[in-house]
Amino acid sequence: MSTAGVTVVVPTLGRPSLTALLERVPAGPGLEVLVVDDRPNPAGPLPVPDGVRVVPGRARGPAAARNTGWRSARHEWIAFLDDDVLPDPDWPQLLAADLAESGDDVGGVQGVLRVPLPPHRAPTDWERVTAGLAEGRWITADMAYRRAALARAGGFDERVPRAFREDAELAFRVRRAGWSLRRGRRTTVHPVRAESPWVSVRSQRGNADDALLRRLYGPRWRERLEIPPGRRRRHAAITAALLTAAGLAVAAWSTAQPRAGSVAAPNPVGRRLGGGSVARRSPAGGLLGCGFGVARSPAGCGSRNGYVIAAGVAAAVWAAGTAEFAANRIAPGPRDPREVAVMLATSVAIPPVAIAHWLRGWWHWRGARPVAAESGPGRRPSGAPDAPAREHGPASGRGPAPERGPAEERSLAGTRGPAREHKALGQPAGAPR
């Protein structure tokens, strides 16, 4: 079957894996292969086979690079591939079949991703995270869209600078514009690339992107974008316990230090415990102790013992939460000394880092609004309803449509984004947990 009318777009930072990918997808009549060179400081031209077209990117992340690619494409269908995947040898033929089987209402067709894991041992945490891509929905590691659907939806949201959530967010807007999405039969291998032991901590930057999506789509943003639930609330509780323990420890230390010029004040609690007076302490320290609920203890908020007890309780809560997080990550893995050490260290770091990035994003994206549809050739499929289109698989019936929530309606109406709130293990690579 012919592959006429398809442009394959591959954004790249110049990874060596690009060569093997391009060998599997040879350019030919009706099959354009377009590489977006998104290297921030190119040292020279990319080594690509004859017939492959290279266009310069803007070095602003995968979303911007994909927008550059599809807007430069010559055909109606655009198939996106990541530069670190390896399509099966029959991928071009099966891509053509996937698109030929798609009705006029279909705006996108996802390929099948396969993530090879080591056969003789349990996968590491990073390997399991990458393997989660195989279960992901509408992932642009191998995803084809009609140009009209991309134009109608407004393309990828370039405010998302990482390869994280930008594909799920686009898929939601495509369906909301009246198109359906389906799964095809072509297969692509997504290898597990080598990474630093600290990759799980570095990937927490994606929490800032989660904050943007929360601003755009309201408390039910995960449900609408078909994203699995995460651990943010648990991370927030662990981080709050850590900060409380640290604050109370400082307060306990400060109360034990005599201050120059401090004035002794009567202390009824001290009299009952055998002491007559106590030096006045900082209001902040007293608030920390009282805020933790120690005020009703025999020692009272103002006593050093009260701060010490409260700090110990908060530290125990932090330790218990961190231990539970680490155990959940260690249990399904190989449990060798190196993996256990990495899991323990990163499980301590991830909760506060994740919450810091979330708060940064929440502040930065205040007032954010959804991407506007582009004017021009984008069209709604004939007969499409105003409600979001439903999704269906290659041979299955249609599923339930995602609903538009009140928070999103307010954003679309031109008002300010919602101000209310709402991977885990096995999420796509780079996902914060």
Protein backbone atom coordinates (compact mmCIF):
# COMPACT_ATOMS: atom_id res chain seq x y z
CA MET A 1 0.00 0.00 0.00
CA SER A 2 1.32 3.47 -0.83
CA THR A 3 2.44 5.90 1.86
CA ALA A 4 1.43 8.92 -0.24
CA GLY A 5 0.51 12.07 1.58
CA VAL A 6 2.53 11.59 4.78
CA THR A 7 5.26 13.73 6.32
CA VAL A 8 7.33 12.11 9.08
CA VAL A 9 8.55 14.80 11.52
CA VAL A 10 11.51 13.99 13.79
CA PRO A 11 12.67 16.72 16.19
CA THR A 12 16.25 16.04 17.29
CA LEU A 13 19.07 17.27 19.46
CA GLY A 14 21.53 15.27 17.35
CA ARG A 15 21.40 11.96 19.22
CA PRO A 16 23.35 9.11 17.56
CA SER A 17 20.11 7.06 17.49
CA LEU A 18 18.78 9.36 14.73
CA THR A 19 20.81 7.52 12.07
CA ALA A 20 19.21 4.13 12.75
CA LEU A 21 15.73 5.70 12.82
CA LEU A 22 16.15 7.38 9.43
CA GLU A 23 17.37 4.11 7.90
CA ARG A 24 14.01 2.54 8.84
CA VAL A 25 11.97 5.41 7.35
CA PRO A 26 13.40 6.12 3.89
CA ALA A 27 12.10 9.20 2.13
CA GLY A 28 10.40 8.56 -1.19
CA PRO A 29 7.52 9.61 -3.43
CA GLY A 30 4.68 10.76 -1.21
CA LEU A 31 6.65 10.04 2.00
CA GLU A 32 8.46 13.14 3.16
CA VAL A 33 10.93 12.82 6.04
CA LEU A 34 11.55 16.12 7.82
CA VAL A 35 14.09 16.50 10.63
CA VAL A 36 13.87 19.53 12.91
CA ASP A 37 17.39 20.41 14.04
CA ASP A 38 16.70 21.71 17.55
CA ARG A 39 20.30 21.80 18.74
CA PRO A 40 20.91 25.08 20.60
CA ASN A 41 24.49 25.39 19.27
CA PRO A 42 24.91 23.29 16.10
CA ALA A 43 28.53 22.41 15.43
CA GLY A 44 27.76 21.51 11.83
CA PRO A 45 25.06 20.04 9.62
CA LEU A 46 23.25 16.89 10.74
CA PRO A 47 24.34 13.70 8.95
CA VAL A 48 21.13 12.58 7.27
CA PRO A 49 20.44 10.35 4.24
CA ASP A 50 19.66 11.78 0.83
CA GLY A 51 16.07 12.93 0.48
CA VAL A 52 15.67 13.91 4.13
CA ARG A 53 14.78 17.56 4.58
CA VAL A 54 16.28 19.41 7.58
CA VAL A 55 14.72 22.58 8.95
CA PRO A 56 16.18 24.63 11.82
CA GLY A 57 14.35 24.61 15.13
CA ARG A 58 14.15 27.35 17.73
CA ALA A 59 15.78 25.41 20.61
CA ARG A 60 12.68 25.98 22.74
CA GLY A 61 11.81 22.37 23.49
CA PRO A 62 9.98 19.48 21.81
CA ALA A 63 6.59 21.22 21.55
CA ALA A 64 8.06 24.17 19.65
CA ALA A 65 10.15 21.85 17.46
CA ARG A 66 7.10 19.76 16.52
CA ASN A 67 5.17 22.93 15.67
CA THR A 68 8.02 24.00 13.39
CA GLY A 69 7.94 20.57 11.77
CA TRP A 70 4.25 20.21 11.01
CA ARG A 71 3.93 23.79 9.80
CA SER A 72 6.78 23.09 7.35
CA ALA A 73 5.32 19.75 6.20
CA ARG A 74 4.03 19.26 2.66
CA HIS A 75 1.35 16.64 3.27
CA GLU A 76 -2.01 16.34 5.01
CA TRP A 77 -0.91 13.67 7.50
CA ILE A 78 2.03 14.33 9.85
CA ALA A 79 3.58 11.39 11.73
CA PHE A 80 5.71 12.41 14.73
CA LEU A 81 8.60 10.22 15.87
CA ASP A 82 11.07 10.83 18.70
CA ASP A 83 14.72 10.68 17.66
CA ASP A 84 15.53 7.85 20.12
CA VAL A 85 13.00 5.30 18.85
CA LEU A 86 13.43 2.54 16.27
CA PRO A 87 10.43 1.78 14.02
CA ASP A 88 9.89 -1.80 12.91
CA PRO A 89 11.04 -2.57 9.34
CA ASP A 90 7.44 -2.59 8.07
CA TRP A 91 6.56 0.66 9.85
CA PRO A 92 6.03 2.77 6.67
CA GLN A 93 3.64 0.21 5.20
CA LEU A 94 1.67 -0.21 8.42
CA LEU A 95 1.54 3.57 8.89
CA ALA A 96 -0.07 3.85 5.45
CA ALA A 97 -2.58 1.15 6.42
CA ASP A 98 -3.37 2.85 9.75
CA LEU A 99 -4.13 6.12 7.99
CA ALA A 100 -6.08 4.49 5.15
CA GLU A 101 -8.36 2.80 7.70
CA SER A 102 -9.11 6.11 9.43
CA GLY A 103 -12.39 7.79 8.62
CA ASP A 104 -12.82 11.48 7.96
CA ASP A 105 -13.62 12.11 11.62
CA VAL A 106 -10.27 10.65 12.81
CA GLY A 107 -7.76 13.36 13.63
CA GLY A 108 -4.92 11.19 14.93
CA VAL A 109 -3.61 7.61 15.03
CA GLN A 110 -1.19 6.36 17.66
CA GLY A 111 1.39 3.64 17.02
CA VAL A 112 2.20 0.76 19.34
CA LEU A 113 5.26 1.36 21.53
CA ARG A 114 7.37 -1.53 22.78
CA VAL A 115 9.95 -0.97 25.53
CA PRO A 116 12.44 -3.85 25.84
CA LEU A 117 13.33 -4.70 29.43
CA PRO A 118 16.11 -6.99 30.73
CA PRO A 119 14.88 -10.59 30.63
CA HIS A 120 16.95 -12.01 33.50
CA ARG A 121 16.37 -9.49 36.28
CA ALA A 122 13.73 -7.12 37.58
CA PRO A 123 13.79 -3.69 35.91
CA THR A 124 15.24 -0.70 37.70
CA ASP A 125 13.14 2.30 38.65
CA TRP A 126 14.21 4.21 35.53
CA GLU A 127 13.51 1.21 33.31
CA ARG A 128 10.00 0.89 34.77
CA VAL A 129 9.37 4.58 34.24
CA THR A 130 10.38 4.29 30.59
CA ALA A 131 8.31 1.11 30.19
CA GLY A 132 5.26 3.14 31.22
CA LEU A 133 5.38 4.75 27.78
CA ALA A 134 4.00 1.53 26.32
CA GLU A 135 0.75 2.13 28.20
CA GLY A 136 0.64 5.87 27.55
CA ARG A 137 -2.12 7.49 25.52
CA TRP A 138 -1.47 9.66 22.46
CA ILE A 139 2.29 9.80 23.06
CA THR A 140 4.16 11.60 20.28
CA ALA A 141 7.03 9.11 20.35
CA ASP A 142 4.89 7.64 17.51
CA MET A 143 1.72 9.61 16.80
CA ALA A 144 0.21 10.75 13.48
CA TYR A 145 -2.14 13.75 13.18
CA ARG A 146 -4.01 15.35 10.35
CA ARG A 147 -2.75 18.83 9.56
CA ALA A 148 -6.34 20.11 9.79
CA ALA A 149 -6.70 18.69 13.32
CA LEU A 150 -3.43 20.29 14.43
CA ALA A 151 -4.43 23.63 12.95
CA ARG A 152 -7.90 23.48 14.46
CA ALA A 153 -6.45 22.74 17.91
CA GLY A 154 -3.72 25.38 17.64
CA GLY A 155 -0.75 22.99 17.63
CA PHE A 156 1.39 22.02 20.59
CA ASP A 157 1.45 24.31 23.62
CA GLU A 158 4.94 25.79 23.59
CA ARG A 159 4.66 26.87 27.21
CA VAL A 160 5.53 23.25 28.04
CA PRO A 161 9.31 23.19 27.45
CA ARG A 162 9.90 19.48 28.14
CA ALA A 163 8.89 16.19 26.53
CA PHE A 164 6.25 15.86 29.20
CA ARG A 165 2.46 16.22 29.06
CA GLU A 166 2.57 18.32 25.89
CA ASP A 167 1.25 15.37 23.86
CA ALA A 168 -1.62 14.57 26.25
CA GLU A 169 -2.64 18.23 26.36
CA LEU A 170 -2.68 18.48 22.55
CA ALA A 171 -4.74 15.28 22.27
CA PHE A 172 -7.36 16.77 24.60
CA ARG A 173 -7.69 19.89 22.46
CA VAL A 174 -7.86 17.86 19.24
CA ARG A 175 -10.76 15.82 20.61
CA ARG A 176 -12.41 18.91 22.00
CA ALA A 177 -12.26 20.39 18.47
CA GLY A 178 -14.43 17.51 17.25
CA TRP A 179 -11.91 14.90 16.08
CA SER A 180 -11.55 11.34 17.32
CA LEU A 181 -8.29 9.53 18.02
CA ARG A 182 -7.53 5.86 17.50
CA ARG A 183 -4.77 3.32 17.96
CA GLY A 184 -3.09 1.77 14.95
CA ARG A 185 -1.06 -1.39 14.37
CA ARG A 186 2.39 -0.10 13.41
CA THR A 187 5.04 -0.79 16.06
CA THR A 188 8.01 1.21 17.29
CA VAL A 189 10.67 0.20 19.80
CA HIS A 190 11.53 2.73 22.50
CA PRO A 191 14.83 1.68 24.11
CA VAL A 192 15.72 2.60 27.69
CA ARG A 193 18.49 5.14 27.34
CA ALA A 194 21.32 5.43 29.86
CA GLU A 195 20.70 8.09 32.48
CA SER A 196 22.20 9.62 35.61
CA PRO A 197 21.19 8.08 38.97
CA TRP A 198 19.61 11.46 39.73
CA VAL A 199 17.31 11.50 36.70
CA SER A 200 14.23 10.97 38.89
CA VAL A 201 15.07 14.12 40.86
CA ARG A 202 15.82 16.15 37.73
CA SER A 203 12.53 15.08 36.15
CA GLN A 204 10.60 16.75 38.98
CA ARG A 205 10.84 19.96 36.95
CA GLY A 206 7.78 18.62 35.15
CA ASN A 207 5.70 19.52 38.21
CA ALA A 208 5.83 23.13 37.02
CA ASP A 209 4.13 21.94 33.80
CA ASP A 210 1.53 20.11 35.90
CA ALA A 211 0.80 23.41 37.62
CA LEU A 212 0.17 25.00 34.21
CA LEU A 213 -2.28 22.23 33.28
CA ARG A 214 -4.02 22.60 36.63
CA ARG A 215 -4.43 26.31 35.94
CA LEU A 216 -5.82 25.61 32.47
CA TYR A 217 -8.17 22.70 33.14
CA GLY A 218 -9.15 22.85 36.79
CA PRO A 219 -9.14 20.26 39.58
CA ARG A 220 -9.99 17.35 37.27
CA TRP A 221 -7.18 18.03 34.81
CA ARG A 222 -5.67 14.55 35.17
CA GLU A 223 -8.97 12.89 34.35
CA ARG A 224 -9.59 15.12 31.33
CA LEU A 225 -6.11 14.63 29.93
CA GLU A 226 -6.11 10.88 30.74
CA ILE A 227 -3.07 11.15 33.01
CA PRO A 228 -2.64 8.65 35.88
CA PRO A 229 -2.87 9.93 39.45
CA GLY A 230 0.37 11.07 41.06
CA ARG A 231 1.81 11.43 44.56
CA ARG A 232 1.75 15.19 44.92
CA ARG A 233 -0.44 15.23 48.02
CA ARG A 234 1.81 12.70 49.73
CA HIS A 235 4.89 14.67 48.66
CA ALA A 236 3.30 17.81 50.12
CA ALA A 237 2.62 16.05 53.44
CA ILE A 238 6.19 14.72 53.61
CA THR A 239 7.62 18.14 52.78
CA ALA A 240 5.41 19.87 55.35
CA ALA A 241 6.55 17.41 58.02
CA LEU A 242 10.20 18.03 57.11
CA LEU A 243 9.83 21.82 57.27
CA THR A 244 7.89 21.60 60.53
CA ALA A 245 10.55 19.40 62.13
CA ALA A 246 13.29 21.76 61.01
CA GLY A 247 11.41 24.83 62.25
CA LEU A 248 10.67 23.29 65.64
CA ALA A 249 14.28 22.16 66.02
CA VAL A 250 15.44 25.73 65.41
CA ALA A 251 12.86 26.99 67.89
CA ALA A 252 14.03 24.48 70.52
CA TRP A 253 17.62 25.52 69.99
CA SER A 254 16.81 29.22 70.17
CA THR A 255 14.90 28.83 73.45
CA ALA A 256 17.94 27.16 75.00
CA GLN A 257 20.19 30.12 74.18
CA PRO A 258 20.14 33.05 76.67
CA ARG A 259 19.74 36.36 74.94
CA ALA A 260 21.67 39.44 75.86
CA GLY A 261 19.28 41.87 77.47
CA SER A 262 16.43 39.37 77.70
CA VAL A 263 13.87 40.22 80.32
CA ALA A 264 12.64 37.53 82.69
CA ALA A 265 8.87 37.29 82.58
CA PRO A 266 6.49 35.47 84.89
CA ASN A 267 5.61 32.05 83.54
CA PRO A 268 2.58 30.35 85.10
CA VAL A 269 3.44 27.07 83.37
CA GLY A 270 6.96 27.35 84.74
CA ARG A 271 5.64 27.86 88.29
CA ARG A 272 3.57 24.70 88.06
CA LEU A 273 6.61 22.77 86.84
CA GLY A 274 8.88 24.24 89.50
CA GLY A 275 10.37 27.16 87.58
CA GLY A 276 9.62 30.80 88.32
CA SER A 277 10.21 32.61 85.09
CA VAL A 278 11.43 32.16 81.53
CA ALA A 279 13.12 34.53 79.10
CA ARG A 280 10.83 35.95 76.42
CA ARG A 281 11.14 34.09 73.16
CA SER A 282 10.59 34.96 69.55
CA PRO A 283 6.92 35.05 68.47
CA ALA A 284 7.78 32.94 65.41
CA GLY A 285 9.16 30.13 67.50
CA GLY A 286 6.13 30.15 69.77
CA LEU A 287 3.79 30.05 66.79
CA LEU A 288 5.59 27.04 65.36
CA GLY A 289 5.20 25.12 68.60
CA CYS A 290 1.58 26.11 69.16
CA GLY A 291 0.73 25.53 65.51
CA PHE A 292 1.87 21.94 65.85
CA GLY A 293 -0.62 21.36 68.62
CA VAL A 294 1.77 21.09 71.58
CA ALA A 295 0.09 23.91 73.47
CA ARG A 296 -2.05 21.52 75.44
CA SER A 297 0.89 19.30 76.47
CA PRO A 298 2.14 19.61 80.08
CA ALA A 299 5.31 21.21 78.83
CA GLY A 300 3.36 23.90 76.93
CA CYS A 301 4.23 25.83 73.78
CA GLY A 302 6.78 27.97 75.50
CA SER A 303 8.95 25.17 76.85
CA ARG A 304 11.99 23.77 75.13
CA ASN A 305 10.77 20.26 75.85
CA GLY A 306 7.56 21.02 73.98
CA TYR A 307 9.48 22.06 70.90
CA VAL A 308 11.71 19.01 71.09
CA ILE A 309 8.74 16.63 71.38
CA ALA A 310 6.91 18.32 68.52
CA ALA A 311 10.04 18.26 66.34
CA GLY A 312 10.42 14.56 67.05
CA VAL A 313 6.83 13.84 66.04
CA ALA A 314 7.21 15.82 62.81
CA ALA A 315 10.50 14.06 62.04
CA ALA A 316 8.83 10.68 62.59
CA VAL A 317 6.05 11.63 60.15
CA TRP A 318 8.67 12.67 57.57
CA ALA A 319 10.66 9.47 58.08
CA ALA A 320 7.59 7.26 57.77
CA GLY A 321 6.43 8.98 54.58
CA THR A 322 9.87 8.85 53.02
CA ALA A 323 10.30 5.19 53.96
CA GLU A 324 6.95 4.27 52.38
CA PHE A 325 7.91 6.12 49.18
CA ALA A 326 11.33 4.44 49.03
CA ALA A 327 9.88 0.99 49.74
CA ASN A 328 7.36 1.33 46.90
CA ARG A 329 10.20 2.12 44.51
CA ILE A 330 12.62 -0.53 45.78
CA ALA A 331 10.24 -3.51 46.04
CA PRO A 332 9.60 -4.14 42.31
CA GLY A 333 13.24 -3.56 41.33
CA PRO A 334 16.41 -5.67 41.32
CA ARG A 335 17.19 -4.63 44.92
CA ASP A 336 20.94 -4.73 44.41
CA PRO A 337 23.03 -2.43 46.64
CA ARG A 338 23.46 0.28 44.00
CA GLU A 339 19.76 0.46 43.12
CA VAL A 340 18.73 0.48 46.81
CA ALA A 341 21.20 3.28 47.57
CA VAL A 342 19.95 5.36 44.64
CA MET A 343 16.32 4.81 45.64
CA LEU A 344 16.98 5.82 49.25
CA ALA A 345 18.86 8.98 48.29
CA THR A 346 16.41 10.12 45.62
CA SER A 347 13.36 9.29 47.75
CA VAL A 348 14.63 11.78 50.31
CA ALA A 349 15.15 14.45 47.66
CA ILE A 350 12.10 14.01 45.42
CA PRO A 351 9.22 15.24 47.66
CA PRO A 352 10.64 18.71 48.50
CA VAL A 353 11.99 19.18 44.97
CA ALA A 354 8.63 18.20 43.45
CA ILE A 355 6.69 20.60 45.67
CA ALA A 356 9.17 23.44 45.02
CA HIS A 357 8.72 23.06 41.26
CA TRP A 358 4.93 22.84 41.62
CA LEU A 359 4.81 26.07 43.64
CA ARG A 360 7.12 27.77 41.16
CA GLY A 361 4.84 26.76 38.28
CA TRP A 362 1.67 27.64 40.18
CA TRP A 363 2.94 31.17 40.69
CA HIS A 364 4.43 31.57 37.23
CA TRP A 365 1.31 30.42 35.37
CA ARG A 366 -1.28 32.41 37.29
CA GLY A 367 -3.81 33.70 34.76
CA ALA A 368 -2.75 31.23 32.03
CA ARG A 369 -5.33 30.41 29.35
CA PRO A 370 -5.64 27.56 26.82
CA VAL A 371 -4.03 27.77 23.39
CA ALA A 372 -6.25 29.43 20.80
CA ALA A 373 -7.14 27.62 17.59
CA GLU A 374 -5.35 28.81 14.47
CA SER A 375 -7.16 30.51 11.63
CA GLY A 376 -6.62 29.17 8.15
CA PRO A 377 -7.05 25.70 6.67
CA GLY A 378 -8.03 23.96 9.91
CA ARG A 379 -11.54 22.58 9.70
CA ARG A 380 -13.87 20.58 11.88
CA PRO A 381 -14.74 17.13 10.50
CA SER A 382 -17.99 17.15 8.60
CA GLY A 383 -20.97 16.53 10.83
CA ALA A 384 -18.89 16.74 14.01
CA PRO A 385 -20.81 17.84 17.10
CA ASP A 386 -19.79 20.70 19.32
CA ALA A 387 -19.08 18.25 22.15
CA PRO A 388 -15.64 16.63 22.32
CA ALA A 389 -15.22 13.72 19.93
CA ARG A 390 -14.99 10.22 21.29
CA GLU A 391 -12.02 7.93 21.05
CA HIS A 392 -11.95 4.50 19.48
CA GLY A 393 -9.40 1.82 18.78
CA PRO A 394 -8.57 0.00 15.57
CA ALA A 395 -11.49 -2.41 15.86
CA SER A 396 -13.38 -1.34 18.94
CA GLY A 397 -16.42 0.77 19.62
CA ARG A 398 -16.25 4.33 20.77
CA GLY A 399 -15.48 5.18 24.35
CA PRO A 400 -16.71 7.94 26.64
CA ALA A 401 -15.91 11.52 25.72
CA PRO A 402 -13.97 13.76 28.11
CA GLU A 403 -16.17 16.49 29.47
CA ARG A 404 -15.41 20.17 29.61
CA GLY A 405 -15.36 21.37 33.18
CA PRO A 406 -16.52 24.68 34.58
CA ALA A 407 -12.96 25.82 35.24
CA GLU A 408 -12.06 25.34 31.60
CA GLU A 409 -15.26 27.04 30.45
CA ARG A 410 -14.27 30.09 32.46
CA SER A 411 -10.83 30.10 30.83
CA LEU A 412 -12.31 29.78 27.35
CA ALA A 413 -14.72 32.59 28.08
CA GLY A 414 -11.77 34.90 28.63
CA THR A 415 -11.74 35.01 32.39
CA ARG A 416 -8.78 34.19 34.57
CA GLY A 417 -7.83 30.52 34.98
CA PRO A 418 -9.17 28.51 37.94
CA ALA A 419 -7.66 29.01 41.38
CA ARG A 420 -8.93 25.78 42.96
CA GLU A 421 -6.79 22.70 43.52
CA HIS A 422 -6.57 18.97 42.43
CA LYS A 423 3.73 9.09 37.85
CA ALA A 424 3.21 7.39 40.22
CA LEU A 425 5.54 4.50 39.41
CA GLY A 426 5.40 3.44 35.82
CA GLN A 427 4.58 6.79 34.28
CA PRO A 428 6.22 7.92 31.06
CA ALA A 429 9.86 8.86 31.15
CA GLY A 430 10.47 12.23 32.72
CA ALA A 431 7.25 12.19 34.71
CA PRO A 432 7.27 13.69 38.16
CA ARG A 433 5.92 11.41 40.85
